[in-house]
Each structure stands twice: as structure tokens, then as C-alpha cells.
Amino acid sequence: MSGEIRYDVFKDDPVGGPLWIEAVQGLEQAMSRMEGLATAEDCDYYLFWAQEGKIVRRSKRKSPHRDEEPNDKSWKMAG
């Protein structure tokens, strides 16, 4: 086994709690995996380093339509 640090990949569940996905060796590999997962779902992912007890990276996925809602007139009801 290599000397690389193991990072745990988590995502926020529907109510905002942590949901463990998997463990990945090495920061570069873990970031790549997290980014890949984040492109598939509309939720936050983060990497946790258990040895230090801290989140080292966070990835937020934004819905492509979220920016349109507040200012887009088509969202308003006619009448």
C-alpha cells in the first residue's frame, strides 16, 4: 500500500447531512473522483481527511436553470 493519504468522499443528503460515498488514495485522485461525481448530480460533494479531522476540498454543483429563476420573466404567472 502506498504512503498516500486516504480521503473520504462525502455528499450532502437531501436534508444536508453527510453521506459517505467512498475512500480514495491521494488528493489528486480524490479531487478528480469528486468532480466527476459532482457533474452527475445536483448536490454538494466534499473530501474529508480523517487524520486531521477536516474537510480539505468542497465541490458545489449548481443546477443549470437556477440562475434563470429569480430574474427570468417566463417564470412569472401571467395575469
PDB file of N, CA and C in Angstrom:
ATOM      1  N   MET A   1       0.851  -1.187   0.000  1.00  0.00           N
ATOM      2  CA  MET A   1       0.000   0.000   0.000  1.00  0.00           C
ATOM      3  C   MET A   1       0.887   1.237   0.000  1.00  0.00           C
ATOM      4  N   SER A   2       0.561   2.229  -0.775  1.00  0.00           N
ATOM      5  CA  SER A   2       1.375   3.433  -0.898  1.00  0.00           C
ATOM      6  C   SER A   2       1.226   4.316   0.330  1.00  0.00           C
ATOM      7  N   GLY A   3       2.125   5.302   0.448  1.00  0.00           N
ATOM      8  CA  GLY A   3       2.101   6.219   1.565  1.00  0.00           C
ATOM      9  C   GLY A   3       1.177   7.397   1.353  1.00  0.00           C
ATOM     10  N   GLU A   4       0.391   7.376   0.284  1.00  0.00           N
ATOM     11  CA  GLU A   4      -0.527   8.478   0.019  1.00  0.00           C
ATOM     12  C   GLU A   4      -1.649   8.527   1.047  1.00  0.00           C
ATOM     13  N   ILE A   5      -2.105   9.732   1.301  1.00  0.00           N
ATOM     14  CA  ILE A   5      -3.191   9.947   2.248  1.00  0.00           C
ATOM     15  C   ILE A   5      -4.510   9.495   1.637  1.00  0.00           C
ATOM     16  N   ARG A   6      -5.339   8.896   2.458  1.00  0.00           N
ATOM     17  CA  ARG A   6      -6.673   8.458   2.030  1.00  0.00           C
ATOM     18  C   ARG A   6      -7.679   9.546   2.384  1.00  0.00           C
ATOM     19  N   TYR A   7      -8.507   9.886   1.406  1.00  0.00           N
ATOM     20  CA  TYR A   7      -9.555  10.890   1.598  1.00  0.00           C
ATOM     21  C   TYR A   7     -10.912  10.225   1.436  1.00  0.00           C
ATOM     22  N   ASP A   8     -11.836  10.603   2.288  1.00  0.00           N
ATOM     23  CA  ASP A   8     -13.200  10.098   2.194  1.00  0.00           C
ATOM     24  C   ASP A   8     -14.037  11.086   1.401  1.00  0.00           C
ATOM     25  N   VAL A   9     -14.774  10.566   0.426  1.00  0.00           N
ATOM     26  CA  VAL A   9     -15.658  11.387  -0.395  1.00  0.00           C
ATOM     27  C   VAL A   9     -17.057  11.308   0.210  1.00  0.00           C
ATOM     28  N   PHE A  10     -17.619  12.466   0.502  1.00  0.00           N
ATOM     29  CA  PHE A  10     -18.966  12.569   1.049  1.00  0.00           C
ATOM     30  C   PHE A  10     -19.813  13.447   0.138  1.00  0.00           C
ATOM     31  N   LYS A  11     -21.117  13.291   0.242  1.00  0.00           N
ATOM     32  CA  LYS A  11     -22.035  14.241  -0.373  1.00  0.00           C
ATOM     33  C   LYS A  11     -23.098  14.578   0.662  1.00  0.00           C
ATOM     34  N   ASP A  12     -23.753  15.704   0.463  1.00  0.00           N
ATOM     35  CA  ASP A  12     -24.846  16.085   1.350  1.00  0.00           C
ATOM     36  C   ASP A  12     -26.093  15.321   0.951  1.00  0.00           C
ATOM     37  N   ASP A  13     -26.745  14.705   1.932  1.00  0.00           N
ATOM     38  CA  ASP A  13     -28.004  14.020   1.646  1.00  0.00           C
ATOM     39  C   ASP A  13     -29.110  15.067   1.492  1.00  0.00           C
ATOM     40  N   PRO A  14     -30.333  14.668   1.146  1.00  0.00           N
ATOM     41  CA  PRO A  14     -31.406  15.643   0.893  1.00  0.00           C
ATOM     42  C   PRO A  14     -31.688  16.623   2.027  1.00  0.00           C
ATOM     43  N   VAL A  15     -31.373  16.258   3.262  1.00  0.00           N
ATOM     44  CA  VAL A  15     -31.611  17.180   4.373  1.00  0.00           C
ATOM     45  C   VAL A  15     -30.337  17.865   4.845  1.00  0.00           C
ATOM     46  N   GLY A  16     -29.231  17.693   4.091  1.00  0.00           N
ATOM     47  CA  GLY A  16     -27.985  18.390   4.396  1.00  0.00           C
ATOM     48  C   GLY A  16     -27.001  17.640   5.269  1.00  0.00           C
ATOM     49  N   GLY A  17     -27.307  16.405   5.606  1.00  0.00           N
ATOM     50  CA  GLY A  17     -26.384  15.599   6.404  1.00  0.00           C
ATOM     51  C   GLY A  17     -25.343  14.924   5.526  1.00  0.00           C
ATOM     52  N   PRO A  18     -24.233  14.472   6.112  1.00  0.00           N
ATOM     53  CA  PRO A  18     -23.190  13.819   5.323  1.00  0.00           C
ATOM     54  C   PRO A  18     -23.551  12.388   4.943  1.00  0.00           C
ATOM     55  N   LEU A  19     -23.253  12.030   3.713  1.00  0.00           N
ATOM     56  CA  LEU A  19     -23.469  10.676   3.221  1.00  0.00           C
ATOM     57  C   LEU A  19     -22.153  10.190   2.614  1.00  0.00           C
ATOM     58  N   TRP A  20     -21.522   9.184   3.235  1.00  0.00           N
ATOM     59  CA  TRP A  20     -20.236   8.681   2.763  1.00  0.00           C
ATOM     60  C   TRP A  20     -20.411   7.958   1.435  1.00  0.00           C
ATOM     61  N   ILE A  21     -19.517   8.255   0.482  1.00  0.00           N
ATOM     62  CA  ILE A  21     -19.571   7.613  -0.828  1.00  0.00           C
ATOM     63  C   ILE A  21     -18.478   6.563  -0.968  1.00  0.00           C
ATOM     64  N   GLU A  22     -17.220   6.968  -0.766  1.00  0.00           N
ATOM     65  CA  GLU A  22     -16.093   6.052  -0.903  1.00  0.00           C
ATOM     66  C   GLU A  22     -14.819   6.701  -0.390  1.00  0.00           C
ATOM     67  N   ALA A  23     -13.763   5.901  -0.269  1.00  0.00           N
ATOM     68  CA  ALA A  23     -12.443   6.399   0.104  1.00  0.00           C
ATOM     69  C   ALA A  23     -11.535   6.305  -1.121  1.00  0.00           C
ATOM     70  N   VAL A  24     -10.684   7.328  -1.291  1.00  0.00           N
ATOM     71  CA  VAL A  24      -9.795   7.386  -2.452  1.00  0.00           C
ATOM     72  C   VAL A  24      -8.389   7.736  -1.969  1.00  0.00           C
ATOM     73  N   GLN A  25      -7.377   7.039  -2.499  1.00  0.00           N
ATOM     74  CA  GLN A  25      -5.976   7.311  -2.166  1.00  0.00           C
ATOM     75  C   GLN A  25      -5.467   8.507  -2.959  1.00  0.00           C
ATOM     76  N   GLY A  26      -4.850   9.451  -2.290  1.00  0.00           N
ATOM     77  CA  GLY A  26      -4.215  10.589  -2.956  1.00  0.00           C
ATOM     78  C   GLY A  26      -5.168  11.735  -3.228  1.00  0.00           C
ATOM     79  N   LEU A  27      -4.672  12.962  -2.984  1.00  0.00           N
ATOM     80  CA  LEU A  27      -5.520  14.144  -3.147  1.00  0.00           C
ATOM     81  C   LEU A  27      -5.928  14.373  -4.595  1.00  0.00           C
ATOM     82  N   GLU A  28      -5.010  14.225  -5.513  1.00  0.00           N
ATOM     83  CA  GLU A  28      -5.341  14.463  -6.925  1.00  0.00           C
ATOM     84  C   GLU A  28      -6.413  13.498  -7.422  1.00  0.00           C
ATOM     85  N   GLN A  29      -6.267  12.228  -7.082  1.00  0.00           N
ATOM     86  CA  GLN A  29      -7.251  11.228  -7.493  1.00  0.00           C
ATOM     87  C   GLN A  29      -8.598  11.481  -6.814  1.00  0.00           C
ATOM     88  N   ALA A  30      -8.556  11.858  -5.545  1.00  0.00           N
ATOM     89  CA  ALA A  30      -9.788  12.117  -4.813  1.00  0.00           C
ATOM     90  C   ALA A  30     -10.528  13.329  -5.378  1.00  0.00           C
ATOM     91  N   MET A  31      -9.778  14.394  -5.715  1.00  0.00           N
ATOM     92  CA  MET A  31     -10.420  15.581  -6.298  1.00  0.00           C
ATOM     93  C   MET A  31     -11.035  15.244  -7.648  1.00  0.00           C
ATOM     94  N   SER A  32     -10.335  14.462  -8.447  1.00  0.00           N
ATOM     95  CA  SER A  32     -10.851  14.068  -9.757  1.00  0.00           C
ATOM     96  C   SER A  32     -12.133  13.251  -9.614  1.00  0.00           C
ATOM     97  N   ARG A  33     -12.131  12.324  -8.682  1.00  0.00           N
ATOM     98  CA  ARG A  33     -13.324  11.495  -8.457  1.00  0.00           C
ATOM     99  C   ARG A  33     -14.502  12.344  -7.979  1.00  0.00           C
ATOM    100  N   MET A  34     -14.233  13.259  -7.044  1.00  0.00           N
ATOM    101  CA  MET A  34     -15.278  14.120  -6.508  1.00  0.00           C
ATOM    102  C   MET A  34     -15.878  14.990  -7.611  1.00  0.00           C
ATOM    103  N   GLU A  35     -15.026  15.583  -8.444  1.00  0.00           N
ATOM    104  CA  GLU A  35     -15.513  16.419  -9.542  1.00  0.00           C
ATOM    105  C   GLU A  35     -16.346  15.611 -10.529  1.00  0.00           C
ATOM    106  N   GLY A  36     -15.934  14.387 -10.805  1.00  0.00           N
ATOM    107  CA  GLY A  36     -16.698  13.518 -11.687  1.00  0.00           C
ATOM    108  C   GLY A  36     -18.079  13.210 -11.137  1.00  0.00           C
ATOM    109  N   LEU A  37     -18.140  12.943  -9.851  1.00  0.00           N
ATOM    110  CA  LEU A  37     -19.435  12.680  -9.212  1.00  0.00           C
ATOM    111  C   LEU A  37     -20.309  13.926  -9.215  1.00  0.00           C
ATOM    112  N   ALA A  38     -19.705  15.086  -8.972  1.00  0.00           N
ATOM    113  CA  ALA A  38     -20.465  16.337  -8.882  1.00  0.00           C
ATOM    114  C   ALA A  38     -21.098  16.729 -10.209  1.00  0.00           C
ATOM    115  N   THR A  39     -20.513  16.317 -11.320  1.00  0.00           N
ATOM    116  CA  THR A  39     -21.096  16.661 -12.617  1.00  0.00           C
ATOM    117  C   THR A  39     -22.370  15.871 -12.894  1.00  0.00           C
ATOM    118  N   ALA A  40     -22.552  14.764 -12.179  1.00  0.00           N
ATOM    119  CA  ALA A  40     -23.709  13.897 -12.423  1.00  0.00           C
ATOM    120  C   ALA A  40     -24.919  14.227 -11.553  1.00  0.00           C
ATOM    121  N   GLU A  41     -24.721  14.946 -10.449  1.00  0.00           N
ATOM    122  CA  GLU A  41     -25.822  15.203  -9.520  1.00  0.00           C
ATOM    123  C   GLU A  41     -25.841  16.653  -9.080  1.00  0.00           C
ATOM    124  N   ASP A  42     -26.996  17.121  -8.688  1.00  0.00           N
ATOM    125  CA  ASP A  42     -27.161  18.485  -8.197  1.00  0.00           C
ATOM    126  C   ASP A  42     -27.084  18.484  -6.676  1.00  0.00           C
ATOM    127  N   CYS A  43     -25.869  18.271  -6.149  1.00  0.00           N
ATOM    128  CA  CYS A  43     -25.656  18.303  -4.706  1.00  0.00           C
ATOM    129  C   CYS A  43     -24.193  18.628  -4.431  1.00  0.00           C
ATOM    130  N   ASP A  44     -23.875  18.923  -3.183  1.00  0.00           N
ATOM    131  CA  ASP A  44     -22.514  19.255  -2.784  1.00  0.00           C
ATOM    132  C   ASP A  44     -21.732  17.995  -2.446  1.00  0.00           C
ATOM    133  N   TYR A  45     -20.479  17.971  -2.858  1.00  0.00           N
ATOM    134  CA  TYR A  45     -19.550  16.903  -2.506  1.00  0.00           C
ATOM    135  C   TYR A  45     -18.380  17.514  -1.771  1.00  0.00           C
ATOM    136  N   TYR A  46     -17.734  16.739  -0.917  1.00  0.00           N
ATOM    137  CA  TYR A  46     -16.539  17.219  -0.257  1.00  0.00           C
ATOM    138  C   TYR A  46     -15.613  16.065   0.111  1.00  0.00           C
ATOM    139  N   LEU A  47     -14.325  16.413   0.278  1.00  0.00           N
ATOM    140  CA  LEU A  47     -13.306  15.457   0.675  1.00  0.00           C
ATOM    141  C   LEU A  47     -12.966  15.695   2.136  1.00  0.00           C
ATOM    142  N   PHE A  48     -12.958  14.627   2.893  1.00  0.00           N
ATOM    143  CA  PHE A  48     -12.657  14.699   4.316  1.00  0.00           C
ATOM    144  C   PHE A  48     -11.365  13.939   4.586  1.00  0.00           C
ATOM    145  N   TRP A  49     -10.448  14.573   5.322  1.00  0.00           N
ATOM    146  CA  TRP A  49      -9.191  13.954   5.714  1.00  0.00           C
ATOM    147  C   TRP A  49      -9.325  13.568   7.178  1.00  0.00           C
ATOM    148  N   ALA A  50      -9.545  12.287   7.440  1.00  0.00           N
ATOM    149  CA  ALA A  50      -9.841  11.809   8.784  1.00  0.00           C
ATOM    150  C   ALA A  50      -8.690  12.025   9.753  1.00  0.00           C
ATOM    151  N   GLN A  51      -7.445  11.891   9.292  1.00  0.00           N
ATOM    152  CA  GLN A  51      -6.294  12.078  10.184  1.00  0.00           C
ATOM    153  C   GLN A  51      -6.279  13.465  10.811  1.00  0.00           C
ATOM    154  N   GLU A  52      -6.668  14.455  10.044  1.00  0.00           N
ATOM    155  CA  GLU A  52      -6.687  15.837  10.533  1.00  0.00           C
ATOM    156  C   GLU A  52      -8.079  16.261  11.008  1.00  0.00           C
ATOM    157  N   GLY A  53      -9.081  15.456  10.681  1.00  0.00           N
ATOM    158  CA  GLY A  53     -10.447  15.772  11.095  1.00  0.00           C
ATOM    159  C   GLY A  53     -11.008  17.014  10.432  1.00  0.00           C
ATOM    160  N   LYS A  54     -10.680  17.195   9.138  1.00  0.00           N
ATOM    161  CA  LYS A  54     -11.162  18.395   8.458  1.00  0.00           C
ATOM    162  C   LYS A  54     -11.507  18.140   6.996  1.00  0.00           C
ATOM    163  N   ILE A  55     -12.371  19.013   6.484  1.00  0.00           N
ATOM    164  CA  ILE A  55     -12.718  18.999   5.070  1.00  0.00           C
ATOM    165  C   ILE A  55     -11.604  19.732   4.329  1.00  0.00           C
ATOM    166  N   VAL A  56     -11.060  19.098   3.294  1.00  0.00           N
ATOM    167  CA  VAL A  56      -9.957  19.711   2.555  1.00  0.00           C
ATOM    168  C   VAL A  56     -10.375  20.288   1.210  1.00  0.00           C
ATOM    169  N   ARG A  57     -11.451  19.814   0.648  1.00  0.00           N
ATOM    170  CA  ARG A  57     -11.972  20.350  -0.615  1.00  0.00           C
ATOM    171  C   ARG A  57     -13.474  20.200  -0.621  1.00  0.00           C
ATOM    172  N   ARG A  58     -14.135  21.144  -1.298  1.00  0.00           N
ATOM    173  CA  ARG A  58     -15.596  21.106  -1.434  1.00  0.00           C
ATOM    174  C   ARG A  58     -15.940  21.430  -2.883  1.00  0.00           C
ATOM    175  N   SER A  59     -16.934  20.745  -3.412  1.00  0.00           N
ATOM    176  CA  SER A  59     -17.388  20.977  -4.777  1.00  0.00           C
ATOM    177  C   SER A  59     -18.889  21.177  -4.765  1.00  0.00           C
ATOM    178  N   LYS A  60     -19.326  22.330  -5.235  1.00  0.00           N
ATOM    179  CA  LYS A  60     -20.764  22.608  -5.312  1.00  0.00           C
ATOM    180  C   LYS A  60     -21.217  22.461  -6.748  1.00  0.00           C
ATOM    181  N   ARG A  61     -22.269  21.737  -6.926  1.00  0.00           N
ATOM    182  CA  ARG A  61     -22.870  21.550  -8.255  1.00  0.00           C
ATOM    183  C   ARG A  61     -24.092  22.435  -8.320  1.00  0.00           C
ATOM    184  N   LYS A  62     -24.151  23.262  -9.332  1.00  0.00           N
ATOM    185  CA  LYS A  62     -25.301  24.156  -9.493  1.00  0.00           C
ATOM    186  C   LYS A  62     -26.166  23.683 -10.635  1.00  0.00           C
ATOM    187  N   SER A  63     -27.441  23.725 -10.419  1.00  0.00           N
ATOM    188  CA  SER A  63     -28.395  23.387 -11.462  1.00  0.00           C
ATOM    189  C   SER A  63     -28.268  24.412 -12.584  1.00  0.00           C
ATOM    190  N   PRO A  64     -28.290  23.986 -13.849  1.00  0.00           N
ATOM    191  CA  PRO A  64     -28.132  24.945 -14.943  1.00  0.00           C
ATOM    192  C   PRO A  64     -29.271  25.955 -15.037  1.00  0.00           C
ATOM    193  N   HIS A  65     -30.409  25.682 -14.417  1.00  0.00           N
ATOM    194  CA  HIS A  65     -31.552  26.588 -14.513  1.00  0.00           C
ATOM    195  C   HIS A  65     -31.709  27.489 -13.294  1.00  0.00           C
ATOM    196  N   ARG A  66     -30.954  27.261 -12.279  1.00  0.00           N
ATOM    197  CA  ARG A  66     -31.105  28.007 -11.037  1.00  0.00           C
ATOM    198  C   ARG A  66     -30.907  29.511 -11.242  1.00  0.00           C
ATOM    199  N   ASP A  67     -29.947  29.903 -12.092  1.00  0.00           N
ATOM    200  CA  ASP A  67     -29.674  31.311 -12.334  1.00  0.00           C
ATOM    201  C   ASP A  67     -30.816  32.005 -13.066  1.00  0.00           C
ATOM    202  N   GLU A  68     -31.607  31.258 -13.792  1.00  0.00           N
ATOM    203  CA  GLU A  68     -32.684  31.845 -14.580  1.00  0.00           C
ATOM    204  C   GLU A  68     -33.903  32.192 -13.731  1.00  0.00           C
ATOM    205  N   GLU A  69     -34.173  31.451 -12.688  1.00  0.00           N
ATOM    206  CA  GLU A  69     -35.410  31.586 -11.926  1.00  0.00           C
ATOM    207  C   GLU A  69     -35.681  32.981 -11.374  1.00  0.00           C
ATOM    208  N   PRO A  70     -34.766  33.605 -10.621  1.00  0.00           N
ATOM    209  CA  PRO A  70     -35.122  34.865  -9.978  1.00  0.00           C
ATOM    210  C   PRO A  70     -35.436  36.014 -10.935  1.00  0.00           C
ATOM    211  N   ASN A  71     -34.748  36.103 -12.069  1.00  0.00           N
ATOM    212  CA  ASN A  71     -34.892  37.262 -12.935  1.00  0.00           C
ATOM    213  C   ASN A  71     -35.601  36.974 -14.252  1.00  0.00           C
ATOM    214  N   ASP A  72     -35.835  35.746 -14.552  1.00  0.00           N
ATOM    215  CA  ASP A  72     -36.444  35.380 -15.834  1.00  0.00           C
ATOM    216  C   ASP A  72     -37.950  35.608 -15.759  1.00  0.00           C
ATOM    217  N   LYS A  73     -38.472  36.464 -16.629  1.00  0.00           N
ATOM    218  CA  LYS A  73     -39.889  36.804 -16.621  1.00  0.00           C
ATOM    219  C   LYS A  73     -40.784  35.641 -17.003  1.00  0.00           C
ATOM    220  N   SER A  74     -40.235  34.651 -17.693  1.00  0.00           N
ATOM    221  CA  SER A  74     -41.047  33.496 -18.097  1.00  0.00           C
ATOM    222  C   SER A  74     -41.475  32.670 -16.878  1.00  0.00           C
ATOM    223  N   TRP A  75     -40.826  32.846 -15.742  1.00  0.00           N
ATOM    224  CA  TRP A  75     -41.187  32.113 -14.540  1.00  0.00           C
ATOM    225  C   TRP A  75     -42.404  32.723 -13.841  1.00  0.00           C
ATOM    226  N   LYS A  76     -42.732  33.940 -14.174  1.00  0.00           N
ATOM    227  CA  LYS A  76     -43.861  34.614 -13.533  1.00  0.00           C
ATOM    228  C   LYS A  76     -45.173  34.192 -14.189  1.00  0.00           C
ATOM    229  N   MET A  77     -46.199  34.113 -13.409  1.00  0.00           N
ATOM    230  CA  MET A  77     -47.507  33.742 -13.948  1.00  0.00           C
ATOM    231  C   MET A  77     -48.138  34.945 -14.622  1.00  0.00           C
ATOM    232  N   ALA A  78     -48.789  34.686 -15.696  1.00  0.00           N
ATOM    233  CA  ALA A  78     -49.477  35.771 -16.428  1.00  0.00           C
ATOM    234  C   ALA A  78     -50.723  36.185 -15.668  1.00  0.00           C
ATOM    235  N   GLY A  79     -51.049  37.481 -15.804  1.00  0.00           N
ATOM    236  CA  GLY A  79     -52.319  37.894 -15.259  1.00  0.00           C
ATOM    237  C   GLY A  79     -52.264  38.739 -14.117  1.00  0.00           C
TER     238      GLY A  79
END
